[in-house]
Amino acid sequence: MACRFEVLFSGEKAGHTASAGSALDEVDRIEAELTVFRETSALSQINREASDGPVDVDAELFDILALCREISDRTGGAFDITSTPLSRCWGFLRRQGRLPSQEEIDRARALVGMSGVQLDGERRTVRFASPGMELNLGSIGKGYAVGQMAQVLRKNGVDAALLSAGGSSVFALGGDAEGWRVDLNSRQVVRGPLAQLHLRNVALATSGTGEQFVDVKGTRYGHVLDPRTGWPASGILSASVVTREPSVADALSTAFLVGGLTLAEQYCASHVDTLAVLTPDDGSERPRVFGRCEGARVNIFSGTPT
């Protein structure tokens, strides 16, 4: 997952370091199974074999893939784990960004779409409709790992900790009445933190456009691609989502970065316990807040509590 995982305890919980070690071991297990950068992973096996026939998977991975399909359907395809051909086309998979031709984009888009992933719940198998399709769980994996870390800590009797994956996926386990305080930042907003959140037993995930990009004749193309068009997402600098489930928060932050204010507003209006904070790329640097989530309180630093 190419990031640093952390477990933060308050002072009186410092004796739980062994439990923190067990939680971090769980991250290593998940990475070994779900990464596309190891040929021995279960996900790499799917990518190699699923176009030739059904591939058996374990219950954990099947449930993750089923959740990905559900979120893709809920977001109108703005979230899509089959977009690897597009990432490769743009050079972002190996951090060698380039501007492809429209013909190249169209060829890659023909291999993208959850409709081409056949999930058989009875036999617990995965099959691709077309050769060249690939799955990548990078837009949900950090959140899933953080959620599994929380489960390990709970089993070991830990009732308060702040878990983080690269600073972009967070789970606030327990805490005092105010909850854990977390600042929201954007790499493209230079005036400082965008907002402050107080979180208790909820997850926070943030996606932004500032991590990878390619600059072509003064035009900046970010690495988060819209699977519906094949072109980089635009219009939003950062999208943060708070939900009870870390993997859902992670996936939705990507979906809202792609789908923008309209998708975030519509989704939050129809799904309880979903809070979104989006910063439009309109020069205002003023975040927009949609929905609410029990266990979360957000205050925009420009002054108005929400």
Protein backbone atom coordinates (compact mmCIF):
# COMPACT_ATOMS: atom_id res chain seq x y z
CA MET A 1 0.00 0.00 0.00
CA ALA A 2 3.12 2.15 -0.12
CA CYS A 3 2.42 4.16 3.03
CA ARG A 4 3.14 4.28 6.73
CA PHE A 5 0.61 2.73 9.13
CA GLU A 6 0.44 4.08 12.67
CA VAL A 7 -1.34 3.32 15.93
CA LEU A 8 -1.64 6.23 18.35
CA PHE A 9 -2.60 5.75 22.02
CA SER A 10 -3.22 8.31 24.72
CA GLY A 11 -0.73 8.20 27.60
CA GLU A 12 -2.74 5.92 29.86
CA LYS A 13 -3.05 3.33 27.09
CA ALA A 14 0.68 3.05 26.45
CA GLY A 15 0.72 -0.51 27.78
CA HIS A 16 -1.04 -1.73 24.65
CA THR A 17 2.05 -1.68 22.43
CA ALA A 18 1.94 -5.46 21.92
CA SER A 19 -1.62 -5.15 20.63
CA ALA A 20 -0.45 -2.41 18.27
CA GLY A 21 2.18 -4.81 16.94
CA SER A 22 -0.49 -7.42 16.28
CA ALA A 23 -2.57 -4.85 14.41
CA LEU A 24 0.41 -3.90 12.23
CA ASP A 25 1.06 -7.59 11.54
CA GLU A 26 -2.49 -7.74 10.19
CA VAL A 27 -1.57 -5.01 7.70
CA ASP A 28 1.32 -7.14 6.44
CA ARG A 29 -1.06 -10.08 5.94
CA ILE A 30 -3.53 -7.96 3.97
CA GLU A 31 -0.78 -6.45 1.82
CA ALA A 32 0.48 -9.93 0.92
CA GLU A 33 -2.98 -10.98 -0.28
CA LEU A 34 -4.37 -7.85 -1.91
CA THR A 35 -1.41 -6.09 -3.58
CA VAL A 36 -0.90 -6.08 -7.35
CA PHE A 37 2.85 -5.66 -6.88
CA ARG A 38 3.48 -9.23 -5.72
CA GLU A 39 2.96 -12.11 -8.14
CA THR A 40 2.12 -14.40 -5.21
CA SER A 41 -0.91 -12.37 -4.03
CA ALA A 42 -4.46 -13.61 -4.48
CA LEU A 43 -5.31 -10.46 -6.44
CA SER A 44 -2.42 -10.99 -8.85
CA GLN A 45 -3.66 -14.54 -9.44
CA ILE A 46 -7.08 -13.17 -10.40
CA ASN A 47 -5.51 -10.69 -12.81
CA ARG A 48 -3.47 -13.47 -14.45
CA GLU A 49 -6.15 -16.14 -14.70
CA ALA A 50 -9.67 -14.68 -14.57
CA SER A 51 -9.91 -14.01 -18.31
CA ASP A 52 -9.29 -17.72 -18.97
CA GLY A 53 -11.92 -19.00 -16.56
CA PRO A 54 -13.37 -18.73 -13.04
CA VAL A 55 -10.82 -18.22 -10.25
CA ASP A 56 -11.59 -19.48 -6.74
CA VAL A 57 -11.13 -16.89 -4.00
CA ASP A 58 -11.51 -16.97 -0.24
CA ALA A 59 -14.45 -15.42 1.59
CA GLU A 60 -12.52 -12.30 2.64
CA LEU A 61 -11.48 -11.29 -0.86
CA PHE A 62 -14.85 -12.20 -2.36
CA ASP A 63 -16.63 -9.97 0.16
CA ILE A 64 -14.29 -7.08 -0.67
CA LEU A 65 -14.97 -7.47 -4.39
CA ALA A 66 -18.72 -7.66 -3.77
CA LEU A 67 -18.51 -4.44 -1.73
CA CYS A 68 -16.58 -2.77 -4.57
CA ARG A 69 -19.33 -3.70 -7.01
CA GLU A 70 -21.97 -2.32 -4.64
CA ILE A 71 -20.17 1.01 -4.19
CA SER A 72 -19.57 1.25 -7.94
CA ASP A 73 -23.30 0.83 -8.50
CA ARG A 74 -24.17 3.38 -5.79
CA THR A 75 -21.85 6.00 -7.31
CA GLY A 76 -22.78 5.51 -10.95
CA GLY A 77 -19.36 4.08 -11.79
CA ALA A 78 -17.32 6.93 -10.29
CA PHE A 79 -15.66 4.29 -8.10
CA ASP A 80 -14.24 1.44 -10.16
CA ILE A 81 -11.48 -1.03 -9.24
CA THR A 82 -11.06 -2.10 -12.89
CA SER A 83 -9.42 1.17 -13.97
CA THR A 84 -5.84 -0.18 -14.01
CA PRO A 85 -5.68 -0.19 -17.85
CA LEU A 86 -6.35 3.56 -17.73
CA SER A 87 -3.68 4.13 -15.06
CA ARG A 88 -1.20 2.21 -17.21
CA CYS A 89 -2.24 4.16 -20.30
CA TRP A 90 -1.52 7.46 -18.52
CA GLY A 91 1.75 6.10 -17.05
CA PHE A 92 0.65 6.59 -13.45
CA LEU A 93 0.93 2.92 -12.52
CA ARG A 94 4.73 3.21 -12.59
CA ARG A 95 4.86 6.91 -11.68
CA GLN A 96 5.86 7.84 -15.25
CA GLY A 97 2.99 10.14 -16.19
CA ARG A 98 2.35 10.94 -19.85
CA LEU A 99 -0.44 12.38 -22.01
CA PRO A 100 -1.88 9.52 -24.12
CA SER A 101 -3.80 9.91 -27.34
CA GLN A 102 -7.59 9.68 -27.35
CA GLU A 103 -7.26 6.42 -29.27
CA GLU A 104 -5.13 4.95 -26.48
CA ILE A 105 -7.63 6.12 -23.88
CA ASP A 106 -10.52 4.59 -25.79
CA ARG A 107 -8.72 1.23 -26.03
CA ALA A 108 -8.06 1.27 -22.28
CA ARG A 109 -11.63 2.27 -21.47
CA ALA A 110 -12.91 -0.77 -23.36
CA LEU A 111 -11.32 -2.89 -20.61
CA VAL A 112 -12.80 -0.88 -17.74
CA GLY A 113 -16.08 -1.45 -15.94
CA MET A 114 -17.42 -3.62 -13.12
CA SER A 115 -19.95 -5.08 -15.55
CA GLY A 116 -17.05 -7.10 -16.93
CA VAL A 117 -16.30 -8.69 -13.55
CA GLN A 118 -18.41 -11.80 -13.02
CA LEU A 119 -18.81 -12.67 -9.33
CA ASP A 120 -20.35 -16.07 -8.54
CA GLY A 121 -21.43 -15.97 -4.90
CA GLU A 122 -22.48 -19.61 -4.78
CA ARG A 123 -19.16 -20.95 -6.07
CA ARG A 124 -17.17 -17.96 -4.77
CA THR A 125 -15.34 -17.37 -8.02
CA VAL A 126 -14.28 -14.37 -10.12
CA ARG A 127 -14.11 -14.25 -13.89
CA PHE A 128 -13.35 -11.47 -16.39
CA ALA A 129 -15.47 -10.92 -19.47
CA SER A 130 -12.47 -9.77 -21.55
CA PRO A 131 -8.72 -10.46 -21.67
CA GLY A 132 -6.72 -7.48 -20.44
CA MET A 133 -9.00 -6.58 -17.54
CA GLU A 134 -7.31 -6.01 -14.18
CA LEU A 135 -8.35 -5.29 -10.62
CA ASN A 136 -6.57 -2.89 -8.26
CA LEU A 137 -7.75 -2.31 -4.69
CA GLY A 138 -5.62 0.80 -4.14
CA SER A 139 -8.69 3.00 -3.73
CA ILE A 140 -10.15 0.87 -0.94
CA GLY A 141 -7.24 -1.15 0.47
CA LYS A 142 -5.98 1.35 3.04
CA GLY A 143 -9.43 1.76 4.50
CA TYR A 144 -9.96 -1.99 4.62
CA ALA A 145 -6.62 -2.50 6.37
CA VAL A 146 -7.36 0.21 8.95
CA GLY A 147 -10.72 -1.44 9.68
CA GLN A 148 -9.07 -4.82 10.21
CA MET A 149 -6.52 -3.20 12.52
CA ALA A 150 -9.40 -1.86 14.63
CA GLN A 151 -10.88 -5.34 14.87
CA VAL A 152 -7.56 -6.76 16.12
CA LEU A 153 -7.28 -4.04 18.77
CA ARG A 154 -10.85 -4.59 19.96
CA LYS A 155 -10.24 -8.34 20.29
CA ASN A 156 -7.23 -7.52 22.45
CA GLY A 157 -9.28 -5.30 24.74
CA VAL A 158 -8.16 -1.92 23.36
CA ASP A 159 -11.03 0.58 23.47
CA ALA A 160 -9.26 3.79 22.41
CA ALA A 161 -6.73 4.40 19.63
CA LEU A 162 -6.27 6.51 16.50
CA LEU A 163 -5.29 4.40 13.49
CA SER A 164 -3.82 5.92 10.36
CA ALA A 165 -2.69 4.76 6.91
CA GLY A 166 -0.50 7.37 5.28
CA GLY A 167 -2.61 10.11 6.86
CA SER A 168 -5.29 9.60 4.19
CA SER A 169 -7.28 6.82 5.91
CA VAL A 170 -8.05 7.10 9.61
CA PHE A 171 -10.16 5.24 12.14
CA ALA A 172 -10.93 6.83 15.49
CA LEU A 173 -11.49 4.00 17.97
CA GLY A 174 -13.23 5.19 21.13
CA GLY A 175 -11.78 8.23 22.82
CA ASP A 176 -13.24 10.72 25.29
CA ALA A 177 -16.52 12.56 24.85
CA GLU A 178 -14.96 15.01 22.38
CA GLY A 179 -13.40 12.21 20.35
CA TRP A 180 -10.08 12.30 18.53
CA ARG A 181 -9.17 15.61 16.90
CA VAL A 182 -8.01 15.41 13.28
CA ASP A 183 -7.12 18.30 10.96
CA LEU A 184 -8.05 18.14 7.27
CA ASN A 185 -5.35 19.32 4.88
CA SER A 186 -4.97 19.58 1.11
CA ARG A 187 -1.62 19.64 -0.67
CA GLN A 188 -3.00 22.18 -3.14
CA VAL A 189 -4.38 24.55 -0.51
CA VAL A 190 -1.54 26.55 1.00
CA ARG A 191 -3.36 28.61 3.62
CA GLY A 192 -3.23 25.80 6.20
CA PRO A 193 -5.71 23.19 7.41
CA LEU A 194 -9.14 23.25 5.77
CA ALA A 195 -11.13 22.02 8.73
CA GLN A 196 -10.96 20.34 12.09
CA LEU A 197 -12.88 17.19 12.93
CA HIS A 198 -13.66 15.44 16.21
CA LEU A 199 -14.18 11.74 15.59
CA ARG A 200 -15.34 8.84 17.77
CA ASN A 201 -15.81 5.30 16.44
CA VAL A 202 -15.91 6.48 12.83
CA ALA A 203 -13.58 6.43 9.85
CA LEU A 204 -12.19 9.31 7.79
CA ALA A 205 -10.66 9.04 4.33
CA THR A 206 -9.30 11.77 2.05
CA SER A 207 -8.45 11.74 -1.66
CA GLY A 208 -6.76 14.60 -3.47
CA THR A 209 -5.22 15.60 -6.77
CA GLY A 210 -1.82 16.71 -5.52
CA GLU A 211 0.10 13.43 -5.14
CA GLN A 212 0.83 12.40 -8.72
CA PHE A 213 0.37 14.38 -11.92
CA VAL A 214 1.83 15.09 -15.32
CA ASP A 215 2.28 18.64 -16.63
CA VAL A 216 1.89 19.03 -20.40
CA LYS A 217 2.39 22.53 -21.84
CA GLY A 218 1.23 24.12 -18.60
CA THR A 219 -1.81 21.87 -18.11
CA ARG A 220 -1.75 19.69 -15.03
CA TYR A 221 -3.31 16.21 -15.27
CA GLY A 222 -3.82 14.44 -11.93
CA HIS A 223 -3.47 10.71 -11.30
CA VAL A 224 -7.07 10.12 -10.15
CA LEU A 225 -8.84 9.08 -13.34
CA ASP A 226 -12.54 9.17 -14.10
CA PRO A 227 -13.31 5.60 -15.26
CA ARG A 228 -16.39 6.88 -17.10
CA THR A 229 -14.39 9.13 -19.43
CA GLY A 230 -10.79 7.90 -19.19
CA TRP A 231 -9.55 11.40 -18.34
CA PRO A 232 -8.26 12.75 -15.02
CA ALA A 233 -10.87 13.93 -12.54
CA SER A 234 -11.22 17.70 -12.35
CA GLY A 235 -13.13 20.32 -10.39
CA ILE A 236 -12.30 19.10 -6.87
CA LEU A 237 -9.01 19.62 -5.02
CA SER A 238 -9.76 17.23 -2.17
CA ALA A 239 -12.60 15.01 -1.00
CA SER A 240 -12.91 13.74 2.57
CA VAL A 241 -15.56 11.29 3.76
CA VAL A 242 -16.58 10.14 7.24
CA THR A 243 -18.55 6.91 7.66
CA ARG A 244 -18.69 4.10 10.18
CA GLU A 245 -16.91 1.68 7.84
CA PRO A 246 -13.28 2.55 6.89
CA SER A 247 -13.30 0.73 3.55
CA VAL A 248 -16.49 2.55 2.49
CA ALA A 249 -15.03 5.92 3.50
CA ASP A 250 -11.91 5.18 1.45
CA ALA A 251 -13.87 4.21 -1.65
CA LEU A 252 -16.28 7.14 -1.40
CA SER A 253 -13.49 9.70 -1.07
CA THR A 254 -12.24 8.60 -4.48
CA ALA A 255 -15.76 8.49 -5.93
CA PHE A 256 -16.52 12.03 -4.73
CA LEU A 257 -13.20 13.36 -6.03
CA VAL A 258 -14.29 11.99 -9.42
CA GLY A 259 -18.02 12.75 -9.24
CA GLY A 260 -17.71 16.15 -7.58
CA LEU A 261 -20.19 18.20 -5.58
CA THR A 262 -23.28 16.83 -7.30
CA LEU A 263 -22.50 13.19 -6.55
CA ALA A 264 -21.45 13.96 -2.95
CA GLU A 265 -24.60 15.95 -2.25
CA GLN A 266 -26.93 13.34 -3.75
CA TYR A 267 -25.18 10.42 -2.08
CA CYS A 268 -25.09 11.98 1.39
CA ALA A 269 -28.76 12.96 1.12
CA SER A 270 -29.77 9.34 0.51
CA HIS A 271 -27.31 7.48 2.78
CA VAL A 272 -27.37 7.95 6.54
CA ASP A 273 -24.16 8.37 8.52
CA THR A 274 -22.20 9.73 5.57
CA LEU A 275 -20.43 13.07 5.91
CA ALA A 276 -18.43 14.62 3.06
CA VAL A 277 -16.12 17.65 2.99
CA LEU A 278 -15.13 18.71 -0.55
CA THR A 279 -12.91 21.57 -1.64
CA PRO A 280 -13.85 22.81 -5.14
CA ASP A 281 -11.14 23.92 -7.54
CA ASP A 282 -12.73 27.36 -7.94
CA GLY A 283 -10.12 29.54 -6.26
CA SER A 284 -12.17 30.05 -3.11
CA GLU A 285 -10.43 27.36 -1.01
CA ARG A 286 -13.77 27.13 0.81
CA PRO A 287 -14.77 23.54 1.63
CA ARG A 288 -18.35 22.39 1.12
CA VAL A 289 -19.97 20.07 3.68
CA PHE A 290 -22.67 17.50 2.91
CA GLY A 291 -24.52 15.07 5.15
CA ARG A 292 -23.69 14.08 8.70
CA CYS A 293 -22.37 11.09 10.60
CA GLU A 294 -23.03 10.25 14.22
CA GLY A 295 -19.72 10.35 16.04
CA ALA A 296 -18.29 13.14 13.88
CA ARG A 297 -18.24 16.90 14.27
CA VAL A 298 -16.61 19.20 11.72
CA ASN A 299 -15.62 22.83 11.92
CA ILE A 300 -14.47 24.73 8.83
CA PHE A 301 -11.51 26.94 9.74
CA SER A 302 -12.95 29.95 7.97
CA GLY A 303 -15.15 30.30 11.01
CA THR A 304 -18.55 28.70 10.70
CA PRO A 305 -19.17 25.44 12.61
CA THR A 306 -21.21 22.83 10.79
